[in-house]
C-alpha atoms as a PDB file:
ATOM      1  CA  MET A   1     -40.172 -19.853 -60.574  1.00  0.00           C
ATOM      2  CA  VAL A   2     -38.540 -17.121 -62.703  1.00  0.00           C
ATOM      3  CA  GLU A   3     -37.461 -14.730 -59.417  1.00  0.00           C
ATOM      4  CA  LYS A   4     -36.050 -18.169 -58.176  1.00  0.00           C
ATOM      5  CA  ILE A   5     -34.132 -18.391 -61.420  1.00  0.00           C
ATOM      6  CA  PHE A   6     -32.758 -15.207 -61.361  1.00  0.00           C
ATOM      7  CA  ALA A   7     -31.810 -15.229 -57.671  1.00  0.00           C
ATOM      8  CA  ASP A   8     -30.413 -18.845 -57.751  1.00  0.00           C
ATOM      9  CA  ASN A   9     -28.123 -17.383 -61.254  1.00  0.00           C
ATOM     10  CA  ILE A  10     -26.741 -14.450 -59.463  1.00  0.00           C
ATOM     11  CA  LYS A  11     -25.793 -15.963 -56.085  1.00  0.00           C
ATOM     12  CA  GLU A  12     -23.924 -18.574 -58.784  1.00  0.00           C
ATOM     13  CA  ILE A  13     -22.224 -16.085 -60.206  1.00  0.00           C
ATOM     14  CA  LEU A  14     -21.122 -13.908 -57.291  1.00  0.00           C
ATOM     15  CA  TYR A  15     -20.043 -16.846 -55.128  1.00  0.00           C
ATOM     16  CA  ASN A  16     -18.546 -20.234 -57.797  1.00  0.00           C
ATOM     17  CA  SER A  17     -17.714 -18.402 -60.853  1.00  0.00           C
ATOM     18  CA  CYS A  18     -15.096 -17.690 -62.941  1.00  0.00           C
ATOM     19  CA  ASP A  19     -13.756 -14.678 -63.454  1.00  0.00           C
ATOM     20  CA  ASP A  20     -11.500 -12.547 -66.232  1.00  0.00           C
ATOM     21  CA  PHE A  21     -10.031  -9.919 -64.047  1.00  0.00           C
ATOM     22  CA  ASN A  22      -7.239  -9.384 -66.706  1.00  0.00           C
ATOM     23  CA  GLU A  23      -6.065  -6.816 -68.408  1.00  0.00           C
ATOM     24  CA  GLU A  24      -7.234  -7.992 -71.655  1.00  0.00           C
ATOM     25  CA  VAL A  25     -11.010  -7.561 -70.987  1.00  0.00           C
ATOM     26  CA  ARG A  26     -12.728  -5.401 -73.848  1.00  0.00           C
ATOM     27  CA  PRO A  27     -15.555  -3.338 -72.217  1.00  0.00           C
ATOM     28  CA  SER A  28     -14.759  -0.267 -70.013  1.00  0.00           C
ATOM     29  CA  TYR A  29     -17.313   1.961 -68.277  1.00  0.00           C
ATOM     30  CA  ALA A  30     -17.965   5.844 -68.918  1.00  0.00           C
ATOM     31  CA  ASP A  31     -14.615   7.127 -66.915  1.00  0.00           C
ATOM     32  CA  GLY A  32     -11.755   4.552 -69.000  1.00  0.00           C
ATOM     33  CA  THR A  33     -11.793   2.023 -66.069  1.00  0.00           C
ATOM     34  CA  LYS A  34     -11.758  -1.223 -67.624  1.00  0.00           C
ATOM     35  CA  ALA A  35     -15.348  -3.086 -66.595  1.00  0.00           C
ATOM     36  CA  HIS A  36     -14.247  -6.727 -65.277  1.00  0.00           C
ATOM     37  CA  SER A  37     -16.800  -9.291 -64.338  1.00  0.00           C
ATOM     38  CA  LYS A  38     -17.811 -12.987 -62.818  1.00  0.00           C
ATOM     39  CA  TYR A  39     -19.453 -15.289 -64.950  1.00  0.00           C
ATOM     40  CA  ILE A  40     -21.010 -18.863 -65.618  1.00  0.00           C
ATOM     41  CA  THR A  41     -21.022 -20.430 -68.299  1.00  0.00           C
ATOM     42  CA  GLN A  42     -24.421 -22.609 -70.719  1.00  0.00           C
ATOM     43  CA  VAL A  43     -26.747 -21.082 -68.711  1.00  0.00           C
ATOM     44  CA  PHE A  44     -30.481 -22.606 -69.678  1.00  0.00           C
ATOM     45  CA  GLU A  45     -33.848 -21.852 -68.903  1.00  0.00           C
ATOM     46  CA  LYS A  46     -37.257 -23.257 -70.372  1.00  0.00           C
ATOM     47  CA  TYR A  47     -40.862 -20.806 -69.854  1.00  0.00           C
ATOM     48  CA  SER A  48     -44.196 -22.123 -71.058  1.00  0.00           C
ATOM     49  CA  ILE A  49     -45.609 -19.333 -72.588  1.00  0.00           C
ATOM     50  CA  GLU A  50     -48.870 -21.421 -73.083  1.00  0.00           C
ATOM     51  CA  ASN A  51     -48.703 -21.705 -69.384  1.00  0.00           C
ATOM     52  CA  ASN A  52     -48.086 -18.091 -68.694  1.00  0.00           C
ATOM     53  CA  GLU A  53     -44.402 -18.591 -67.505  1.00  0.00           C
ATOM     54  CA  PHE A  54     -43.237 -15.497 -68.640  1.00  0.00           C
ATOM     55  CA  PRO A  55     -39.812 -14.413 -67.918  1.00  0.00           C
ATOM     56  CA  ILE A  56     -39.636 -11.157 -65.835  1.00  0.00           C
ATOM     57  CA  THR A  57     -38.417 -10.084 -62.511  1.00  0.00           C
ATOM     58  CA  SER A  58     -40.196  -8.094 -59.995  1.00  0.00           C
ATOM     59  CA  LEU A  59     -37.273  -7.402 -58.442  1.00  0.00           C
ATOM     60  CA  ARG A  60     -36.487  -4.202 -60.121  1.00  0.00           C
ATOM     61  CA  PRO A  61     -38.242  -2.780 -63.238  1.00  0.00           C
ATOM     62  CA  ILE A  62     -37.525  -4.232 -66.543  1.00  0.00           C
ATOM     63  CA  ALA A  63     -37.491  -2.530 -69.573  1.00  0.00           C
ATOM     64  CA  TRP A  64     -39.350  -4.184 -71.440  1.00  0.00           C
ATOM     65  CA  LYS A  65     -41.705  -2.019 -74.065  1.00  0.00           C
ATOM     66  CA  SER A  66     -38.053  -0.744 -75.260  1.00  0.00           C
ATOM     67  CA  GLY A  67     -36.891  -4.467 -75.449  1.00  0.00           C
ATOM     68  CA  ILE A  68     -39.922  -4.819 -77.660  1.00  0.00           C
ATOM     69  CA  LYS A  69     -39.560  -1.448 -79.901  1.00  0.00           C
ATOM     70  CA  GLU A  70     -35.582  -2.796 -79.865  1.00  0.00           C
ATOM     71  CA  ILE A  71     -37.099  -5.836 -81.248  1.00  0.00           C
ATOM     72  CA  LEU A  72     -39.379  -4.120 -83.759  1.00  0.00           C
ATOM     73  CA  TRP A  73     -36.507  -2.067 -85.238  1.00  0.00           C
ATOM     74  CA  ILE A  74     -34.313  -5.492 -85.953  1.00  0.00           C
ATOM     75  CA  TYR A  75     -36.748  -7.852 -87.306  1.00  0.00           C
ATOM     76  CA  LYS A  76     -39.494  -6.021 -88.886  1.00  0.00           C
ATOM     77  CA  ASP A  77     -37.669  -2.395 -90.538  1.00  0.00           C
ATOM     78  CA  ALA A  78     -34.724  -4.643 -90.249  1.00  0.00           C
ATOM     79  CA  SER A  79     -32.688  -1.537 -89.664  1.00  0.00           C
ATOM     80  CA  ASN A  80     -29.154  -0.224 -88.596  1.00  0.00           C
ATOM     81  CA  ASP A  81     -30.008   2.830 -88.625  1.00  0.00           C
ATOM     82  CA  LEU A  82     -30.038   4.915 -85.038  1.00  0.00           C
ATOM     83  CA  GLU A  83     -32.038   7.579 -86.298  1.00  0.00           C
ATOM     84  CA  LEU A  84     -34.751   5.731 -87.222  1.00  0.00           C
ATOM     85  CA  LEU A  85     -34.441   4.057 -83.608  1.00  0.00           C
ATOM     86  CA  LYS A  86     -34.517   7.224 -82.021  1.00  0.00           C
ATOM     87  CA  ASN A  87     -37.120   8.931 -83.528  1.00  0.00           C
ATOM     88  CA  LYS A  88     -39.652   6.126 -84.197  1.00  0.00           C
ATOM     89  CA  TYR A  89     -38.985   4.346 -80.694  1.00  0.00           C
ATOM     90  CA  ASN A  90     -37.472   6.499 -78.853  1.00  0.00           C
ATOM     91  CA  VAL A  91     -34.646   4.133 -77.867  1.00  0.00           C
ATOM     92  CA  THR A  92     -31.283   5.679 -77.496  1.00  0.00           C
ATOM     93  CA  TRP A  93     -28.916   3.227 -76.006  1.00  0.00           C
ATOM     94  CA  TRP A  94     -27.416   1.918 -79.053  1.00  0.00           C
ATOM     95  CA  ASP A  95     -26.031   5.062 -79.534  1.00  0.00           C
ATOM     96  CA  ASP A  96     -22.706   4.213 -77.592  1.00  0.00           C
ATOM     97  CA  TRP A  97     -22.049   1.637 -81.052  1.00  0.00           C
ATOM     98  CA  ASP A  98     -22.349   4.808 -83.732  1.00  0.00           C
ATOM     99  CA  MET A  99     -20.113   4.086 -86.248  1.00  0.00           C
ATOM    100  CA  GLY A 100     -19.933   7.628 -86.945  1.00  0.00           C
ATOM    101  CA  ASP A 101     -22.561   7.678 -89.562  1.00  0.00           C
ATOM    102  CA  ARG A 102     -25.347   6.956 -87.336  1.00  0.00           C
ATOM    103  CA  SER A 103     -25.526   3.416 -87.929  1.00  0.00           C
ATOM    104  CA  ILE A 104     -23.868   0.064 -86.226  1.00  0.00           C
ATOM    105  CA  GLY A 105     -23.028  -1.030 -89.699  1.00  0.00           C
ATOM    106  CA  GLN A 106     -23.397  -4.114 -90.834  1.00  0.00           C
ATOM    107  CA  ALA A 107     -24.578  -5.914 -87.740  1.00  0.00           C
ATOM    108  CA  TYR A 108     -28.103  -6.824 -86.288  1.00  0.00           C
ATOM    109  CA  GLY A 109     -31.437  -5.176 -88.540  1.00  0.00           C
ATOM    110  CA  ALA A 110     -28.407  -5.001 -91.723  1.00  0.00           C
ATOM    111  CA  VAL A 111     -28.026  -8.637 -91.525  1.00  0.00           C
ATOM    112  CA  VAL A 112     -31.574  -9.275 -91.007  1.00  0.00           C
ATOM    113  CA  ARG A 113     -32.967  -7.467 -94.232  1.00  0.00           C
ATOM    114  CA  GLU A 114     -29.218  -8.660 -96.557  1.00  0.00           C
ATOM    115  CA  TYR A 115     -30.631 -12.495 -95.847  1.00  0.00           C
ATOM    116  CA  LYS A 116     -34.531 -12.243 -95.600  1.00  0.00           C
ATOM    117  CA  LEU A 117     -34.044 -13.548 -92.577  1.00  0.00           C
ATOM    118  CA  ILE A 118     -37.789 -12.660 -91.543  1.00  0.00           C
ATOM    119  CA  GLU A 119     -38.983 -12.934 -94.634  1.00  0.00           C
ATOM    120  CA  ASN A 120     -37.975 -16.325 -95.261  1.00  0.00           C
ATOM    121  CA  LEU A 121     -38.419 -17.269 -92.034  1.00  0.00           C
ATOM    122  CA  LEU A 122     -42.454 -16.629 -91.899  1.00  0.00           C
ATOM    123  CA  LYS A 123     -42.534 -18.578 -95.233  1.00  0.00           C
ATOM    124  CA  ASN A 124     -41.095 -22.087 -94.335  1.00  0.00           C
ATOM    125  CA  LEU A 125     -43.078 -21.811 -90.885  1.00  0.00           C
ATOM    126  CA  LYS A 126     -46.015 -21.472 -92.796  1.00  0.00           C
ATOM    127  CA  ASP A 127     -44.806 -23.824 -95.954  1.00  0.00           C
ATOM    128  CA  ASN A 128     -43.575 -26.497 -93.727  1.00  0.00           C
ATOM    129  CA  PRO A 129     -43.949 -26.136 -89.968  1.00  0.00           C
ATOM    130  CA  PHE A 130     -43.134 -29.214 -88.747  1.00  0.00           C
ATOM    131  CA  GLY A 131     -39.210 -28.651 -91.063  1.00  0.00           C
ATOM    132  CA  ARG A 132     -35.655 -28.749 -88.570  1.00  0.00           C
ATOM    133  CA  ARG A 133     -34.545 -26.013 -90.433  1.00  0.00           C
ATOM    134  CA  HIS A 134     -36.301 -22.777 -89.218  1.00  0.00           C
ATOM    135  CA  ILE A 135     -33.394 -20.757 -88.238  1.00  0.00           C
ATOM    136  CA  ILE A 136     -32.368 -16.769 -88.256  1.00  0.00           C
ATOM    137  CA  ASN A 137     -28.632 -16.207 -87.618  1.00  0.00           C
ATOM    138  CA  LEU A 138     -27.230 -13.078 -87.468  1.00  0.00           C
ATOM    139  CA  TRP A 139     -23.502 -14.507 -87.011  1.00  0.00           C
ATOM    140  CA  GLN A 140     -22.511 -13.667 -90.331  1.00  0.00           C
ATOM    141  CA  TYR A 141     -18.821 -14.316 -90.863  1.00  0.00           C
ATOM    142  CA  VAL A 142     -18.902 -12.341 -94.206  1.00  0.00           C
ATOM    143  CA  ASP A 143     -20.595  -9.176 -92.469  1.00  0.00           C
ATOM    144  CA  LEU A 144     -18.653  -9.902 -89.064  1.00  0.00           C
ATOM    145  CA  GLY A 145     -15.371  -9.129 -91.670  1.00  0.00           C
ATOM    146  CA  LYS A 146     -16.939  -5.491 -92.886  1.00  0.00           C
ATOM    147  CA  PRO A 147     -17.037  -2.459 -89.866  1.00  0.00           C
ATOM    148  CA  HIS A 148     -20.271  -3.243 -87.732  1.00  0.00           C
ATOM    149  CA  GLY A 149     -20.610  -1.576 -84.220  1.00  0.00           C
ATOM    150  CA  LEU A 150     -20.807  -4.347 -81.543  1.00  0.00           C
ATOM    151  CA  ASP A 151     -20.411  -8.438 -82.348  1.00  0.00           C
ATOM    152  CA  PRO A 152     -24.534 -10.077 -82.059  1.00  0.00           C
ATOM    153  CA  CYS A 153     -24.996 -11.227 -78.262  1.00  0.00           C
ATOM    154  CA  ALA A 154     -28.351 -12.703 -78.986  1.00  0.00           C
ATOM    155  CA  PHE A 155     -27.738 -13.995 -82.245  1.00  0.00           C
ATOM    156  CA  GLU A 156     -29.696 -16.765 -82.823  1.00  0.00           C
ATOM    157  CA  THR A 157     -33.058 -18.004 -82.703  1.00  0.00           C
ATOM    158  CA  ILE A 158     -33.972 -21.611 -83.648  1.00  0.00           C
ATOM    159  CA  TRP A 159     -37.838 -22.656 -84.187  1.00  0.00           C
ATOM    160  CA  SER A 160     -40.147 -25.479 -84.018  1.00  0.00           C
ATOM    161  CA  VAL A 161     -44.022 -26.285 -84.639  1.00  0.00           C
ATOM    162  CA  ARG A 162     -45.722 -29.391 -82.760  1.00  0.00           C
ATOM    163  CA  LYS A 163     -48.831 -30.204 -82.654  1.00  0.00           C
ATOM    164  CA  LYS A 164     -51.170 -30.877 -79.292  1.00  0.00           C
ATOM    165  CA  ASN A 165     -54.716 -31.964 -79.237  1.00  0.00           C
ATOM    166  CA  ALA A 166     -55.331 -30.718 -83.002  1.00  0.00           C
ATOM    167  CA  LYS A 167     -53.822 -27.534 -82.440  1.00  0.00           C
ATOM    168  CA  LEU A 168     -50.094 -26.315 -83.541  1.00  0.00           C
ATOM    169  CA  TYR A 169     -47.968 -24.878 -81.170  1.00  0.00           C
ATOM    170  CA  LEU A 170     -45.013 -22.657 -81.599  1.00  0.00           C
ATOM    171  CA  ASP A 171     -41.653 -23.129 -79.355  1.00  0.00           C
ATOM    172  CA  MET A 172     -38.845 -21.347 -80.170  1.00  0.00           C
ATOM    173  CA  THR A 173     -34.427 -21.209 -78.401  1.00  0.00           C
ATOM    174  CA  LEU A 174     -32.452 -17.953 -78.265  1.00  0.00           C
ATOM    175  CA  ILE A 175     -29.207 -18.773 -78.357  1.00  0.00           C
ATOM    176  CA  GLN A 176     -27.110 -15.795 -76.789  1.00  0.00           C
ATOM    177  CA  ARG A 177     -23.115 -15.654 -76.649  1.00  0.00           C
ATOM    178  CA  SER A 178     -23.161 -12.754 -74.133  1.00  0.00           C
ATOM    179  CA  SER A 179     -25.033 -11.525 -71.192  1.00  0.00           C
ATOM    180  CA  ASP A 180     -24.988  -8.790 -69.329  1.00  0.00           C
ATOM    181  CA  TYR A 181     -27.149 -10.465 -66.131  1.00  0.00           C
ATOM    182  CA  LEU A 182     -28.357  -7.728 -64.166  1.00  0.00           C
ATOM    183  CA  VAL A 183     -29.141  -5.224 -66.891  1.00  0.00           C
ATOM    184  CA  ALA A 184     -30.075  -6.903 -69.990  1.00  0.00           C
ATOM    185  CA  GLY A 185     -30.641  -9.922 -69.114  1.00  0.00           C
ATOM    186  CA  HIS A 186     -34.325 -10.265 -68.333  1.00  0.00           C
ATOM    187  CA  ILE A 187     -35.050  -7.783 -71.279  1.00  0.00           C
ATOM    188  CA  ASN A 188     -33.357 -10.006 -73.817  1.00  0.00           C
ATOM    189  CA  LYS A 189     -35.546 -12.629 -72.433  1.00  0.00           C
ATOM    190  CA  MET A 190     -39.225 -10.510 -72.808  1.00  0.00           C
ATOM    191  CA  GLN A 191     -38.099  -9.177 -75.977  1.00  0.00           C
ATOM    192  CA  TYR A 192     -38.149 -12.077 -77.201  1.00  0.00           C
ATOM    193  CA  VAL A 193     -40.779 -13.941 -76.149  1.00  0.00           C
ATOM    194  CA  ALA A 194     -42.907 -11.096 -78.121  1.00  0.00           C
ATOM    195  CA  LEU A 195     -41.086 -11.855 -81.040  1.00  0.00           C
ATOM    196  CA  MET A 196     -42.301 -15.073 -80.696  1.00  0.00           C
ATOM    197  CA  LEU A 197     -45.737 -14.211 -79.959  1.00  0.00           C
ATOM    198  CA  MET A 198     -45.381 -11.747 -82.936  1.00  0.00           C
ATOM    199  CA  VAL A 199     -44.321 -15.018 -85.547  1.00  0.00           C
ATOM    200  CA  ALA A 200     -47.011 -16.794 -83.642  1.00  0.00           C
ATOM    201  CA  ARG A 201     -49.665 -14.781 -84.688  1.00  0.00           C
ATOM    202  CA  HIS A 202     -48.700 -14.335 -88.283  1.00  0.00           C
ATOM    203  CA  CYS A 203     -48.515 -18.293 -88.543  1.00  0.00           C
ATOM    204  CA  GLY A 204     -51.663 -18.895 -86.606  1.00  0.00           C
ATOM    205  CA  TYR A 205     -50.168 -20.992 -84.454  1.00  0.00           C
ATOM    206  CA  GLU A 206     -50.484 -20.893 -80.406  1.00  0.00           C
ATOM    207  CA  VAL A 207     -47.599 -20.356 -78.373  1.00  0.00           C
ATOM    208  CA  GLY A 208     -45.514 -23.185 -76.709  1.00  0.00           C
ATOM    209  CA  ASN A 209     -42.151 -22.709 -74.953  1.00  0.00           C
ATOM    210  CA  PHE A 210     -39.509 -20.445 -74.841  1.00  0.00           C
ATOM    211  CA  SER A 211     -35.945 -21.467 -74.225  1.00  0.00           C
ATOM    212  CA  HIS A 212     -32.993 -19.793 -73.658  1.00  0.00           C
ATOM    213  CA  LEU A 213     -29.203 -20.976 -73.665  1.00  0.00           C
ATOM    214  CA  VAL A 214     -26.736 -18.358 -72.382  1.00  0.00           C
ATOM    215  CA  GLN A 215     -23.226 -19.575 -73.284  1.00  0.00           C
ATOM    216  CA  ASN A 216     -21.623 -16.799 -70.810  1.00  0.00           C
ATOM    217  CA  LEU A 217     -23.678 -15.299 -68.187  1.00  0.00           C
ATOM    218  CA  HIS A 218     -21.912 -12.234 -65.707  1.00  0.00           C
ATOM    219  CA  ILE A 219     -22.222  -9.767 -63.849  1.00  0.00           C
ATOM    220  CA  TYR A 220     -19.513  -7.011 -63.781  1.00  0.00           C
ATOM    221  CA  ASP A 221     -17.873  -5.760 -61.058  1.00  0.00           C
ATOM    222  CA  ARG A 222     -19.004  -2.583 -60.409  1.00  0.00           C
ATOM    223  CA  HIS A 223     -22.676  -4.120 -59.957  1.00  0.00           C
ATOM    224  CA  PHE A 224     -22.018  -6.816 -57.338  1.00  0.00           C
ATOM    225  CA  ASP A 225     -23.601  -4.793 -54.343  1.00  0.00           C
ATOM    226  CA  LYS A 226     -26.439  -3.885 -56.253  1.00  0.00           C
ATOM    227  CA  ALA A 227     -26.527  -7.990 -57.240  1.00  0.00           C
ATOM    228  CA  LYS A 228     -26.610  -8.939 -53.571  1.00  0.00           C
ATOM    229  CA  ILE A 229     -29.274  -6.173 -53.301  1.00  0.00           C
ATOM    230  CA  LEU A 230     -31.613  -8.619 -55.353  1.00  0.00           C
ATOM    231  CA  ILE A 231     -30.934 -11.889 -53.816  1.00  0.00           C
ATOM    232  CA  GLU A 232     -32.050 -10.112 -50.620  1.00  0.00           C
ATOM    233  CA  ARG A 233     -34.944  -8.959 -51.915  1.00  0.00           C
ATOM    234  CA  TYR A 234     -35.496 -12.454 -53.152  1.00  0.00           C
ATOM    235  CA  GLU A 235     -35.160 -13.928 -50.197  1.00  0.00           C
ATOM    236  CA  ASN A 236     -38.033 -11.766 -48.740  1.00  0.00           C
ATOM    237  CA  LEU A 237     -40.427 -11.276 -51.440  1.00  0.00           C
ATOM    238  CA  PRO A 238     -43.822 -11.623 -50.534  1.00  0.00           C
ATOM    239  CA  LYS A 239     -46.025 -14.606 -52.599  1.00  0.00           C
ATOM    240  CA  LYS A 240     -47.562 -13.961 -54.833  1.00  0.00           C
ATOM    241  CA  GLU A 241     -50.987 -14.336 -56.332  1.00  0.00           C
ATOM    242  CA  THR A 242     -50.796 -13.664 -59.927  1.00  0.00           C
ATOM    243  CA  LYS A 243     -48.485 -13.899 -62.327  1.00  0.00           C
ATOM    244  CA  PRO A 244     -47.106 -11.256 -64.773  1.00  0.00           C
ATOM    245  CA  ILE A 245     -48.581 -12.140 -68.702  1.00  0.00           C
ATOM    246  CA  LEU A 246     -47.109 -10.284 -71.560  1.00  0.00           C
ATOM    247  CA  LEU A 247     -50.902 -10.274 -74.279  1.00  0.00           C
ATOM    248  CA  LEU A 248     -50.480  -9.473 -78.000  1.00  0.00           C
ATOM    249  CA  ASN A 249     -53.620  -7.285 -77.428  1.00  0.00           C
ATOM    250  CA  THR A 250     -54.807  -6.756 -81.436  1.00  0.00           C
ATOM    251  CA  SER A 251     -56.283  -8.156 -83.828  1.00  0.00           C
ATOM    252  CA  LYS A 252     -53.491  -7.831 -85.801  1.00  0.00           C
ATOM    253  CA  ASN A 253     -51.844 -11.020 -87.769  1.00  0.00           C
ATOM    254  CA  ASN A 254     -49.587  -9.657 -90.091  1.00  0.00           C
ATOM    255  CA  PHE A 255     -45.881  -9.174 -88.756  1.00  0.00           C
ATOM    256  CA  TYR A 256     -45.164  -6.311 -90.163  1.00  0.00           C
ATOM    257  CA  ASP A 257     -48.647  -4.624 -88.519  1.00  0.00           C
ATOM    258  CA  PHE A 258     -47.540  -5.200 -85.285  1.00  0.00           C
ATOM    259  CA  GLU A 259     -46.018  -1.852 -83.063  1.00  0.00           C
ATOM    260  CA  ALA A 260     -44.998  -1.793 -80.019  1.00  0.00           C
ATOM    261  CA  GLU A 261     -48.924  -0.532 -78.159  1.00  0.00           C
ATOM    262  CA  ASP A 262     -50.181  -3.508 -79.279  1.00  0.00           C
ATOM    263  CA  PHE A 263     -48.391  -5.236 -76.141  1.00  0.00           C
ATOM    264  CA  GLU A 264     -49.687  -5.530 -72.851  1.00  0.00           C
ATOM    265  CA  LEU A 265     -47.682  -6.496 -69.968  1.00  0.00           C
ATOM    266  CA  ILE A 266     -50.892  -7.691 -66.972  1.00  0.00           C
ATOM    267  CA  ASN A 267     -49.658  -8.426 -63.398  1.00  0.00           C
ATOM    268  CA  TYR A 268     -46.734  -6.525 -63.183  1.00  0.00           C
ATOM    269  CA  THR A 269     -45.691  -4.431 -59.963  1.00  0.00           C
ATOM    270  CA  PRO A 270     -41.736  -4.656 -59.694  1.00  0.00           C
ATOM    271  CA  MET A 271     -39.853  -3.070 -56.916  1.00  0.00           C
ATOM    272  CA  GLU A 272     -37.484   0.396 -56.924  1.00  0.00           C
ATOM    273  CA  LYS A 273     -35.668   0.884 -59.710  1.00  0.00           C
ATOM    274  CA  LEU A 274     -31.706   0.139 -59.710  1.00  0.00           C
ATOM    275  CA  GLU A 275     -29.303   2.208 -61.294  1.00  0.00           C
ATOM    276  CA  PHE A 276     -26.425   0.195 -63.348  1.00  0.00           C
ATOM    277  CA  GLU A 277     -23.484   1.520 -64.474  1.00  0.00           C
ATOM    278  CA  LEU A 278     -23.250   0.233 -68.423  1.00  0.00           C
ATOM    279  CA  ALA A 279     -20.017  -1.286 -69.480  1.00  0.00           C
ATOM    280  CA  ILE A 280     -19.390  -0.900 -73.033  1.00  0.00           C
END
């Protein structure tokens, strides 16, 4: 399922999309060349985590563990400190958005901390599970007016609890304004599934459905050849007997106790690595 969605979206972007080939695009490659893209809009995917439908591709290796570390930095540590991200988690991919003080400014974890977003979410999910206002939103205009390194891409999650067969299931929707599909698309999906597993465990709920809405799903021009390689890999993909499954393999049940090492990804055998030149 996930591989077909991935390949179909790549084809749609390459052959039936809009492009931004103008001089006003923001991103650039390391050599200073403007990074143009092709894109499609309003892309929606839904996965039943309770039925082991995990949104990770094997057409290329996905840095899922580093993605989880980033999520811990943002939502558990509620931090914008790049030194903490580097020293605690050995993740440095945010360094390009350094504000000059080894932080990313008033964004992401700083917003989570300022508005106590996780504390409020956990409390409200437990106190009023069937409520319709369980939302985390990083797109706070007052904070966007302050110095920060990057406007949030994956900026909102909406959470719902439903009852089925006497059990409570937690569903979550991730809303993303922009996604560099080949580089970060599946990292974003898996890291937010991990966040969903953590919140569900803390609240004592089963995991349910994970949905992902991306408003602008794009592939950069220097990635087009790699995109075609991924399509070819999909078309020659052998049938698999097992599916990758992400486990929160610990007896811990407090959100703030979870570590990246508590997660285990089984049945995951990706194909060889592809290198992508980043657009910053």
